[in-house]
Protein backbone atom coordinates (compact mmCIF):
# COMPACT_ATOMS: atom_id res chain seq x y z
CA MET A 1 0.00 -0.01 0.02
CA SER A 2 2.82 2.39 0.79
CA GLY A 3 4.20 1.94 -2.74
CA LYS A 4 0.80 2.72 -4.33
CA LYS A 5 0.46 5.80 -2.12
CA GLN A 6 3.83 7.02 -3.27
CA ILE A 7 2.81 6.56 -6.92
CA LEU A 8 -0.41 8.55 -6.36
CA GLU A 9 1.47 11.34 -4.67
CA THR A 10 3.71 11.62 -7.70
CA LEU A 11 0.65 11.76 -9.99
CA ILE A 12 -1.27 14.45 -8.05
CA ASP A 13 0.24 17.91 -7.85
CA ALA A 14 -1.99 19.88 -5.52
CA ASP A 15 -0.44 23.20 -6.42
CA GLU A 16 -0.94 22.55 -10.15
CA LEU A 17 -4.58 21.59 -9.60
CA TYR A 18 -5.09 24.79 -7.57
CA HIS A 19 -3.72 27.09 -10.23
CA SER A 20 -5.16 25.38 -13.33
CA ALA A 21 -8.65 24.70 -11.98
CA PRO A 22 -11.57 25.89 -14.21
CA CYS A 23 -12.78 28.14 -11.41
CA GLY A 24 -11.08 30.90 -9.41
CA TYR A 25 -9.58 30.40 -5.96
CA PHE A 26 -8.22 32.87 -3.48
CA SER A 27 -7.70 33.13 0.29
CA LEU A 28 -8.29 36.14 2.50
CA SER A 29 -6.98 37.21 5.87
CA THR A 30 -9.42 38.20 8.61
CA LYS A 31 -8.91 41.80 7.43
CA GLY A 32 -10.07 40.88 3.89
CA GLU A 33 -6.59 40.99 2.32
CA ILE A 34 -5.70 38.55 -0.44
CA LEU A 35 -3.20 35.98 0.82
CA LYS A 36 -3.19 33.63 -2.17
CA ILE A 37 -4.85 33.58 -5.61
CA ASN A 38 -4.78 31.09 -8.44
CA LYS A 39 -3.77 31.66 -12.06
CA THR A 40 -7.29 31.06 -13.40
CA LEU A 41 -8.69 34.06 -11.50
CA LEU A 42 -5.62 36.16 -12.39
CA ASN A 43 -6.16 35.41 -16.10
CA TRP A 44 -9.84 36.38 -15.82
CA LEU A 45 -8.94 39.68 -14.19
CA GLY A 46 -5.82 40.46 -16.21
CA TYR A 47 -3.61 40.98 -13.11
CA ALA A 48 -0.25 39.56 -12.11
CA GLU A 49 -0.09 37.80 -8.75
CA SER A 50 2.17 40.57 -7.32
CA ASP A 51 -0.51 43.15 -8.17
CA LEU A 52 -3.09 41.61 -5.86
CA LEU A 53 -1.29 39.96 -2.94
CA GLU A 54 -1.96 41.79 0.37
CA THR A 55 -4.58 43.91 -1.45
CA ARG A 56 -8.03 44.18 0.10
CA PHE A 57 -10.40 42.16 -2.05
CA ALA A 58 -13.17 44.75 -1.58
CA LEU A 59 -11.13 47.25 -3.65
CA LEU A 60 -11.75 45.06 -6.73
CA LEU A 61 -15.49 45.61 -6.38
CA PRO A 62 -17.61 48.62 -7.43
CA LYS A 63 -18.82 50.93 -4.62
CA GLY A 64 -22.06 49.08 -4.09
CA GLY A 65 -20.26 45.76 -4.06
CA GLN A 66 -17.74 47.04 -1.51
CA MET A 67 -20.55 48.04 0.85
CA HIS A 68 -22.30 44.68 0.48
CA PHE A 69 -19.02 42.80 1.00
CA GLU A 70 -18.24 44.66 4.20
CA MET A 71 -21.79 44.67 5.59
CA PHE A 72 -23.03 41.20 4.60
CA PHE A 73 -20.26 38.94 3.30
CA LEU A 74 -17.80 39.21 6.27
CA PRO A 75 -20.52 39.27 8.97
CA MET A 76 -22.18 36.14 7.49
CA LEU A 77 -18.83 34.34 7.60
CA ASN A 78 -18.36 35.28 11.24
CA VAL A 79 -21.82 33.95 12.09
CA ASP A 80 -22.27 30.90 9.86
CA GLY A 81 -18.70 30.09 8.92
CA MET A 82 -19.64 29.89 5.24
CA VAL A 83 -21.26 31.81 2.37
CA LYS A 84 -23.02 30.25 -0.63
CA GLU A 85 -23.46 31.81 -4.05
CA LEU A 86 -23.37 35.53 -3.42
CA SER A 87 -23.52 37.42 -6.72
CA TYR A 88 -20.99 40.19 -7.37
CA GLU A 89 -19.43 42.06 -10.25
CA ILE A 90 -15.63 42.22 -9.92
CA LEU A 91 -13.64 44.78 -11.87
CA ARG A 92 -10.90 43.57 -14.18
CA LYS A 93 -7.66 45.46 -14.57
CA ASP A 94 -9.18 47.37 -17.53
CA GLN A 95 -12.18 48.25 -15.27
CA THR A 96 -14.65 46.07 -17.20
CA PRO A 97 -17.01 44.08 -14.97
CA LEU A 98 -16.91 40.31 -14.59
CA SER A 99 -20.05 38.62 -13.20
CA ILE A 100 -19.15 36.04 -10.52
CA LEU A 101 -20.65 33.92 -7.78
CA LEU A 102 -18.70 33.62 -4.49
CA ASN A 103 -18.69 30.55 -2.23
CA ALA A 104 -16.57 30.82 0.91
CA ASN A 105 -15.78 28.96 4.07
CA THR A 106 -13.59 29.82 7.11
CA ILE A 107 -10.42 28.13 8.40
CA LEU A 108 -10.30 28.08 12.22
CA ASP A 109 -7.40 27.87 14.62
CA GLN A 110 -7.22 25.56 17.66
CA ASN A 111 -9.24 28.04 19.70
CA GLY A 112 -12.05 28.21 17.10
CA ASN A 113 -11.10 31.65 15.89
CA ILE A 114 -11.03 32.52 12.14
CA LYS A 115 -7.50 32.62 10.82
CA ALA A 116 -8.24 32.64 7.04
CA ILE A 117 -11.05 32.52 4.50
CA ASN A 118 -11.01 30.32 1.41
CA VAL A 119 -13.12 31.59 -1.51
CA VAL A 120 -14.24 29.87 -4.71
CA VAL A 121 -15.13 32.08 -7.70
CA ALA A 122 -17.42 30.98 -10.58
CA ASP A 123 -17.64 32.99 -13.80
CA VAL A 124 -21.38 33.48 -14.51
CA THR A 125 -21.00 35.97 -17.36
CA GLU A 126 -22.82 33.72 -19.84
CA ARG A 127 -25.51 33.01 -17.27
CA LYS A 128 -25.97 36.75 -16.65
CA ASN A 129 -26.11 37.40 -20.40
CA TYR A 130 -28.70 34.67 -20.74
CA GLU A 131 -30.75 36.14 -17.88
CA ARG A 132 -30.56 39.58 -19.47
CA GLU A 133 -31.66 38.16 -22.81
CA LEU A 134 -34.44 36.26 -21.09
CA LEU A 135 -35.64 39.38 -19.33
CA LYS A 136 -35.45 41.28 -22.59
CA ALA A 137 -37.44 38.58 -24.41
CA LYS A 138 -39.96 38.56 -21.58
CA SER A 139 -40.33 42.32 -21.85
CA VAL A 140 -40.80 42.09 -25.62
CA ALA A 141 -43.39 39.33 -25.19
CA GLU A 142 -45.26 41.32 -22.55
CA ASN A 143 -45.29 44.42 -24.77
CA GLU A 144 -46.48 42.33 -27.74
CA GLN A 145 -49.22 40.79 -25.58
CA LYS A 146 -50.33 44.27 -24.48
CA ARG A 147 -50.35 45.42 -28.07
CA LEU A 148 -52.46 42.44 -29.18
CA GLU A 149 -54.81 42.89 -26.24
CA PHE A 150 -55.16 46.57 -27.17
CA MET A 151 -56.10 45.55 -30.73
CA ALA A 152 -58.47 42.89 -29.42
CA ASP A 153 -60.24 45.46 -27.25
CA LEU A 154 -60.99 47.55 -30.35
CA ILE A 155 -62.67 44.65 -32.19
CA PRO A 156 -66.49 44.68 -31.98
CA GLU A 157 -66.61 40.87 -31.54
CA MET A 158 -65.92 39.08 -28.30
CA ILE A 159 -62.40 37.66 -28.33
CA TRP A 160 -61.12 35.05 -25.87
CA THR A 161 -58.30 32.59 -25.36
CA ALA A 162 -58.06 29.38 -23.39
CA SER A 163 -55.29 27.03 -22.34
CA SER A 164 -54.74 23.75 -24.16
CA THR A 165 -56.97 22.07 -21.53
CA GLY A 166 -59.81 24.47 -22.29
CA ARG A 167 -59.54 26.81 -19.31
CA ILE A 168 -60.35 30.37 -20.44
CA ASN A 169 -57.54 32.78 -19.47
CA TYR A 170 -58.33 35.99 -21.40
CA VAL A 171 -61.36 37.95 -22.55
CA ASN A 172 -61.38 41.29 -24.37
CA ALA A 173 -63.16 44.53 -23.51
CA ARG A 174 -66.20 43.72 -25.69
CA PHE A 175 -66.80 40.56 -23.60
CA CYS A 176 -66.77 42.63 -20.41
CA GLN A 177 -69.10 45.26 -21.89
CA TYR A 178 -71.59 42.69 -23.11
CA PHE A 179 -71.75 40.76 -19.83
CA GLU A 180 -70.94 43.76 -17.58
CA CYS A 181 -68.04 42.10 -15.80
CA GLU A 182 -64.32 42.56 -15.13
CA LYS A 183 -61.55 41.13 -17.31
CA GLN A 184 -60.51 38.85 -14.48
CA GLU A 185 -63.93 37.17 -14.67
CA THR A 186 -62.98 34.05 -16.63
CA ARG A 187 -64.60 31.40 -14.46
CA SER A 188 -66.20 28.62 -16.48
CA SER A 189 -69.29 28.71 -14.25
CA PHE A 190 -69.83 32.42 -14.97
CA ILE A 191 -69.46 32.02 -18.75
CA LEU A 192 -71.66 28.93 -18.97
CA SER A 193 -74.34 30.73 -16.96
CA LYS A 194 -74.71 33.15 -19.87
CA VAL A 195 -75.62 30.41 -22.35
CA HIS A 196 -79.29 29.60 -23.01
CA THR A 197 -80.21 26.33 -21.26
CA GLU A 198 -81.47 24.83 -24.54
CA ASP A 199 -78.11 25.43 -26.21
CA LEU A 200 -75.82 24.54 -23.29
CA ARG A 201 -75.78 20.75 -23.68
CA ASN A 202 -74.96 20.84 -27.37
CA LEU A 203 -72.28 23.49 -26.78
CA LEU A 204 -70.57 21.44 -24.07
CA ARG A 205 -70.68 18.32 -26.24
CA SER A 206 -69.09 20.17 -29.16
CA TRP A 207 -66.49 21.84 -26.92
CA TYR A 208 -65.41 18.54 -25.34
CA LYS A 209 -65.22 16.96 -28.82
CA SER A 210 -63.04 19.81 -30.08
CA GLN A 211 -60.76 19.53 -27.05
CA SER A 212 -60.30 15.78 -27.47
CA THR A 213 -59.76 15.86 -31.24
CA GLY A 214 -58.30 19.30 -31.76
CA THR A 215 -60.94 20.15 -34.40
CA GLU A 216 -62.40 23.62 -34.82
CA LEU A 217 -65.40 24.62 -32.71
CA ASN A 218 -68.24 26.31 -34.60
CA GLU A 219 -71.62 26.67 -32.90
CA ILE A 220 -74.61 29.02 -33.04
CA ILE A 221 -75.83 29.70 -29.52
CA ARG A 222 -77.89 32.20 -27.54
CA LEU A 223 -76.19 34.38 -24.95
CA ILE A 224 -77.88 36.63 -22.38
CA ASN A 225 -76.65 40.22 -22.32
CA ARG A 226 -76.44 42.62 -19.40
CA ASP A 227 -80.03 43.74 -20.09
CA GLY A 228 -81.28 40.18 -19.60
CA ASN A 229 -82.10 39.54 -23.27
CA TYR A 230 -80.94 36.52 -25.24
CA GLU A 231 -79.21 37.13 -28.60
CA TRP A 232 -77.83 34.70 -31.16
CA HIS A 233 -74.05 34.44 -31.49
CA GLN A 234 -71.68 32.40 -33.61
CA LEU A 235 -69.00 30.88 -31.40
CA LYS A 236 -65.79 29.80 -33.11
CA ALA A 237 -62.49 28.51 -31.72
CA SER A 238 -59.32 27.02 -33.19
CA LEU A 239 -56.44 25.25 -31.50
CA TYR A 240 -52.96 26.67 -32.08
CA VAL A 241 -50.27 23.98 -32.53
CA ASP A 242 -46.66 25.08 -32.51
CA LYS A 243 -43.94 23.85 -34.84
CA ASN A 244 -43.14 20.96 -32.49
CA GLY A 245 -46.70 19.73 -32.72
CA ASP A 246 -47.55 20.75 -29.15
CA ARG A 247 -51.00 22.17 -28.38
CA THR A 248 -50.58 25.59 -26.80
CA ASN A 249 -53.74 27.71 -26.76
CA TRP A 250 -57.27 28.00 -28.04
CA PHE A 251 -58.10 31.24 -29.83
CA GLY A 252 -61.80 32.02 -30.09
CA SER A 253 -64.32 34.65 -31.17
CA CYS A 254 -68.00 35.22 -30.57
CA THR A 255 -69.90 37.23 -33.16
CA ASN A 256 -73.38 38.60 -32.69
CA VAL A 257 -75.57 37.17 -35.48
CA GLU A 258 -78.94 38.25 -34.09
CA ASP A 259 -79.73 40.45 -37.13
CA HIS A 260 -78.80 37.65 -39.49
CA ILE A 261 -81.04 35.17 -37.67
CA GLU A 262 -83.89 37.66 -37.68
CA GLN A 263 -83.50 38.15 -41.42
CA LEU A 264 -83.61 34.40 -41.98
CA LYS A 265 -86.80 34.22 -39.91
CA LYS A 266 -88.32 37.01 -42.00
CA LYS A 267 -87.30 35.18 -45.16
CA ASP A 268 -88.97 31.98 -43.97
CA GLU A 269 -92.03 33.91 -43.01
CA PHE A 270 -92.16 35.49 -46.44
CA ILE A 271 -91.81 32.08 -48.10
CA ASN A 272 -94.63 30.69 -45.99
CA ILE A 273 -96.94 33.58 -46.87
CA ALA A 274 -96.00 33.47 -50.57
CA SER A 275 -96.46 29.69 -50.65
CA HIS A 276 -99.94 29.91 -49.15
CA GLU A 277 -100.86 32.66 -51.56
CA LEU A 278 -99.66 30.59 -54.52
CA LYS A 279 -101.58 27.53 -53.40
CA THR A 280 -104.97 29.17 -53.88
CA PRO A 281 -104.78 29.82 -57.66
CA ILE A 282 -102.93 26.54 -58.20
CA THR A 283 -105.64 24.55 -56.46
CA SER A 284 -108.28 26.32 -58.51
CA LEU A 285 -106.38 25.69 -61.75
CA LYS A 286 -105.88 22.05 -60.88
CA ALA A 287 -109.60 21.59 -60.27
CA ILE A 288 -110.35 23.13 -63.72
CA LEU A 289 -107.87 20.81 -65.38
CA GLN A 290 -109.32 17.77 -63.62
CA LEU A 291 -112.75 18.80 -64.89
CA MET A 292 -111.37 19.23 -68.41
CA LEU A 293 -109.69 15.82 -68.15
CA ARG A 294 -113.05 14.21 -67.44
CA MET A 295 -114.38 15.95 -70.56
CA LYS A 296 -111.43 14.94 -72.78
CA ALA A 297 -113.52 12.47 -74.71
CA GLU A 298 -115.36 15.44 -76.27
CA THR A 299 -112.10 17.01 -77.47
CA SER A 300 -109.40 16.08 -79.88
CA GLU A 301 -106.70 13.55 -79.03
CA ARG A 302 -104.01 16.30 -79.10
CA MET A 303 -106.05 18.41 -76.65
CA SER A 304 -106.28 15.43 -74.35
CA SER A 305 -102.51 15.04 -74.36
CA LEU A 306 -102.02 18.73 -73.60
CA ILE A 307 -104.41 18.58 -70.67
CA GLU A 308 -102.53 15.61 -69.23
CA LYS A 309 -99.22 17.48 -69.60
CA ALA A 310 -100.68 20.59 -67.98
CA ASN A 311 -102.10 18.53 -65.13
CA HIS A 312 -98.71 16.92 -64.62
CA ASN A 313 -96.97 20.31 -64.44
CA ILE A 314 -99.56 21.60 -62.00
CA THR A 315 -98.71 18.64 -59.75
CA ARG A 316 -95.06 19.55 -60.00
CA VAL A 317 -95.68 23.21 -59.12
CA THR A 318 -97.79 22.11 -56.15
CA GLN A 319 -94.96 19.95 -54.92
CA MET A 320 -92.49 22.85 -55.29
CA VAL A 321 -94.80 25.09 -53.24
CA ASP A 322 -94.90 22.40 -50.55
CA ASP A 323 -91.10 22.43 -50.57
CA LEU A 324 -91.12 26.17 -50.03
CA LEU A 325 -93.33 25.66 -47.02
CA ASN A 326 -90.61 23.40 -45.59
CA ALA A 327 -87.91 26.02 -46.07
CA SER A 328 -86.48 25.39 -42.60
CA GLN A 329 -85.85 21.75 -43.51
CA MET A 330 -84.16 22.84 -46.70
CA ASN A 331 -81.89 25.20 -44.77
CA ASP A 332 -80.81 22.28 -42.55
CA GLY A 333 -80.09 20.11 -45.55
CA HIS A 334 -83.06 17.77 -45.03
CA LEU A 335 -85.63 17.06 -47.71
CA LYS A 336 -88.39 14.47 -47.65
CA LEU A 337 -88.22 12.03 -50.56
CA ASN A 338 -91.39 10.58 -52.04
CA LYS A 339 -90.04 7.53 -53.79
CA THR A 340 -92.14 5.75 -56.43
CA LYS A 341 -91.42 3.49 -59.35
CA PHE A 342 -91.55 5.31 -62.72
CA ASN A 343 -90.35 5.13 -66.30
CA VAL A 344 -87.27 7.24 -66.95
CA SER A 345 -87.99 7.90 -70.63
CA GLU A 346 -91.49 9.11 -69.85
CA MET A 347 -90.13 11.39 -67.14
CA ILE A 348 -87.58 12.92 -69.55
CA GLY A 349 -90.36 13.25 -72.15
CA SER A 350 -92.30 15.42 -69.71
CA CYS A 351 -89.20 17.61 -69.22
CA VAL A 352 -88.69 18.29 -72.93
CA HIS A 353 -92.31 18.33 -74.10
CA HIS A 354 -92.64 22.12 -74.21
CA ILE A 355 -89.27 22.48 -75.97
CA ARG A 356 -90.34 20.14 -78.73
CA ILE A 357 -93.60 22.04 -79.13
CA GLU A 358 -91.79 25.35 -79.56
CA ASN A 359 -89.55 23.65 -82.16
CA ASN A 360 -86.61 26.05 -81.51
CA TYR A 361 -84.26 23.32 -80.28
CA GLN A 362 -83.72 19.70 -81.20
CA VAL A 363 -83.75 17.36 -78.24
CA GLN A 364 -82.22 13.91 -78.76
CA THR A 365 -82.87 11.35 -76.03
CA ASN A 366 -80.83 8.16 -75.82
CA SER A 367 -82.48 5.88 -73.28
CA ASP A 368 -83.87 2.40 -72.79
CA ALA A 369 -87.62 2.91 -73.22
CA ALA A 370 -88.37 0.21 -70.63
CA LEU A 371 -85.98 1.44 -67.96
CA GLU A 372 -87.69 2.00 -64.63
CA ILE A 373 -86.30 3.23 -61.35
CA THR A 374 -87.48 3.80 -57.80
CA ALA A 375 -86.83 7.40 -56.75
CA ASP A 376 -88.47 10.76 -56.15
CA GLU A 377 -89.76 11.46 -59.65
CA GLY A 378 -90.58 15.09 -58.98
CA ARG A 379 -87.15 16.00 -57.72
CA ILE A 380 -85.32 14.10 -60.47
CA GLU A 381 -87.51 15.87 -62.99
CA GLN A 382 -86.64 19.21 -61.40
CA VAL A 383 -82.92 18.56 -61.82
CA VAL A 384 -83.17 17.41 -65.42
CA SER A 385 -85.45 20.31 -66.33
CA ASN A 386 -83.04 22.73 -64.70
CA PHE A 387 -80.13 21.30 -66.71
CA ILE A 388 -82.10 21.58 -69.91
CA ILE A 389 -83.24 25.16 -69.17
CA ASN A 390 -79.64 26.19 -68.46
CA ALA A 391 -78.42 24.49 -71.60
CA ILE A 392 -80.80 26.74 -73.53
CA LYS A 393 -80.02 29.84 -71.46
CA TYR A 394 -76.23 29.61 -71.42
CA ALA A 395 -75.69 27.95 -74.78
CA PRO A 396 -78.26 29.67 -77.04
CA GLU A 397 -76.14 29.01 -80.14
CA SER A 398 -76.37 25.26 -79.51
CA GLN A 399 -79.45 23.97 -81.31
CA LEU A 400 -78.95 20.33 -80.28
CA ILE A 401 -79.44 19.08 -76.73
CA VAL A 402 -78.53 15.45 -76.10
CA ILE A 403 -79.88 13.54 -73.10
CA ASN A 404 -78.16 10.22 -72.38
CA VAL A 405 -79.50 7.75 -69.84
CA LYS A 406 -77.01 5.05 -68.88
CA SER A 407 -77.55 2.16 -66.53
CA ILE A 408 -74.67 1.20 -64.25
CA PRO A 409 -74.73 -1.38 -61.45
CA GLY A 410 -77.01 -0.05 -58.72
CA PHE A 411 -77.51 3.37 -60.33
CA ILE A 412 -78.41 5.28 -63.45
CA ARG A 413 -76.57 8.28 -64.89
CA ILE A 414 -78.39 11.05 -66.69
CA GLU A 415 -76.31 13.38 -68.87
CA VAL A 416 -77.54 16.65 -70.37
CA ILE A 417 -75.10 17.72 -73.10
CA ASP A 418 -75.09 20.84 -75.25
CA LYS A 419 -72.62 22.17 -77.83
CA GLY A 420 -71.95 25.46 -76.04
CA LYS A 421 -68.63 26.99 -75.04
CA GLY A 422 -68.28 24.91 -71.92
CA ILE A 423 -66.91 25.62 -68.47
CA GLN A 424 -63.29 26.61 -67.87
CA PRO A 425 -61.31 23.97 -65.92
CA ASP A 426 -60.47 26.41 -63.12
CA LYS A 427 -64.22 26.98 -62.54
CA ILE A 428 -65.09 23.29 -62.13
CA PRO A 429 -64.43 23.27 -58.34
CA TYR A 430 -67.18 25.89 -57.93
CA LEU A 431 -69.73 23.86 -59.87
CA PHE A 432 -71.93 23.06 -56.89
CA GLU A 433 -71.71 26.43 -55.12
CA ARG A 434 -75.04 28.11 -54.62
CA TYR A 435 -75.77 31.05 -56.94
CA TYR A 436 -72.34 30.78 -58.65
CA GLN A 437 -72.25 31.69 -62.34
CA VAL A 438 -69.47 31.57 -64.89
CA SER A 439 -68.96 34.54 -67.20
CA SER A 440 -69.52 33.70 -70.86
CA THR A 441 -65.94 33.50 -72.19
CA PHE A 442 -64.85 31.32 -75.09
CA TYR A 443 -63.47 27.95 -74.14
CA PRO A 444 -59.69 27.92 -75.00
CA ASN A 445 -59.45 24.91 -77.29
CA GLY A 446 -62.82 25.46 -78.93
CA GLN A 447 -63.94 21.95 -78.08
CA PRO A 448 -65.95 21.88 -74.83
CA PRO A 449 -66.01 18.81 -72.59
CA LEU A 450 -69.21 17.26 -71.25
CA ARG A 451 -71.13 20.27 -70.03
CA SER A 452 -73.72 19.64 -67.31
CA THR A 453 -75.14 23.14 -67.06
CA CYS A 454 -76.10 23.56 -63.43
CA PHE A 455 -75.18 27.26 -63.33
CA GLY A 456 -78.15 29.51 -62.89
CA ALA A 457 -79.72 27.14 -60.36
CA HIS A 458 -81.10 29.84 -58.13
CA ARG A 459 -82.95 27.61 -55.71
CA LYS A 460 -81.32 25.63 -52.99
CA ILE A 461 -83.49 22.63 -53.76
CA PHE A 462 -81.69 22.15 -57.05
CA CYS A 463 -78.37 21.66 -55.30
CA TYR A 464 -79.88 18.88 -53.20
CA CYS A 465 -81.58 17.27 -56.17
CA LEU A 466 -78.32 17.37 -58.11
CA TYR A 467 -76.95 15.02 -55.48
CA ILE A 468 -80.08 12.85 -55.49
CA ILE A 469 -79.71 12.15 -59.18
CA LEU A 470 -76.37 10.46 -58.49
CA VAL A 471 -77.75 8.04 -55.94
CA VAL A 472 -80.90 6.71 -57.58
CA ALA A 473 -81.35 3.00 -56.96
CA ILE A 474 -82.65 1.01 -59.92
């Protein structure tokens, strides 16, 4: 063992470790004078050892640091015998500051009196710089937040944010004005108390679904204002996901749509009144036609056919009026289907009968005369008639209209084709948008593709029927 100890002693040079350590070391007398200092600290400060020996350490500190060293550092050593991580700025030889942390402990004599103080110095310049940058970034973020909140307070809509777990943590000034509360009032119980009881359950269900899936929240609800009146609002919220894919915050808005809802109610009321007014002359006309139909034997065969066609169209108009009476169902995307079995060729014949009588256009129908399907004949006829009318309206130079009926497994496909200018490829995605129309510009290559002319369909029912025609079961 003695041989191993000798080898270790030759390997370990205590004085070399002291001077080349990555941190600074120095020792002080009880008067605060430097007794010993290592090369690491000398290099940091730019001094030679002879410059600092027997110099009071406090003189290396700025005025404020000198006062703290004398009033806190030395007294704490006398009381506790040690000091941990006191922050100072020490002045280099060129008078530039070096940020350090001091850790010190006392060396006692046999009587327990302090005879020297050993001090360890850590360079925390990078840490201080980081802290300064952090404080600067925090200040910038706080200023940006205040700026955004100032902008949010100017918006007429209610703006709010919530944590990733759904807890609301900010509301703008409009929110406080509407509910007459303070900005700190973000309790869930308070906010939910403002929702109409009939809308609350559906809202909570949608909110929980959005939270669990991260999908957008979009609900129409009634909120009670400070005057105690309920008004319709559109509540929307989206989840912000950062570049790392982490969910951070929900950003939401609440827009008053009371006027819009009222206008929709007035529209539905107008449709109901207009529908009832239309029903009276239609009912009278239908009764006259039924009477004429019973008297058809006394008229020519052509007159009999015309009466049947007129009676058929009256039935169609009556059904359309009934649809108008159910405008609320149409707005929700629900239409009642009256499915019956009918002959497709005969249905198309009814659509083009008046065109053939006028003799301004040639209608060519390619269909199996015996083909029958089970579907809502009135609605299918509406769609086909609409296609034909638009083919005439938007392709007046095309004198030939071709109607192809093709049977495919489980379905039939009805094509209405004209020889007009066609629809530009970039407009195809808008084909099924309500009220959308394409300007009449010449098709680039002069040879239009299959042109199903649904533009000009100014009734919502046509959009629904356009879908129905694709799902007819044979």
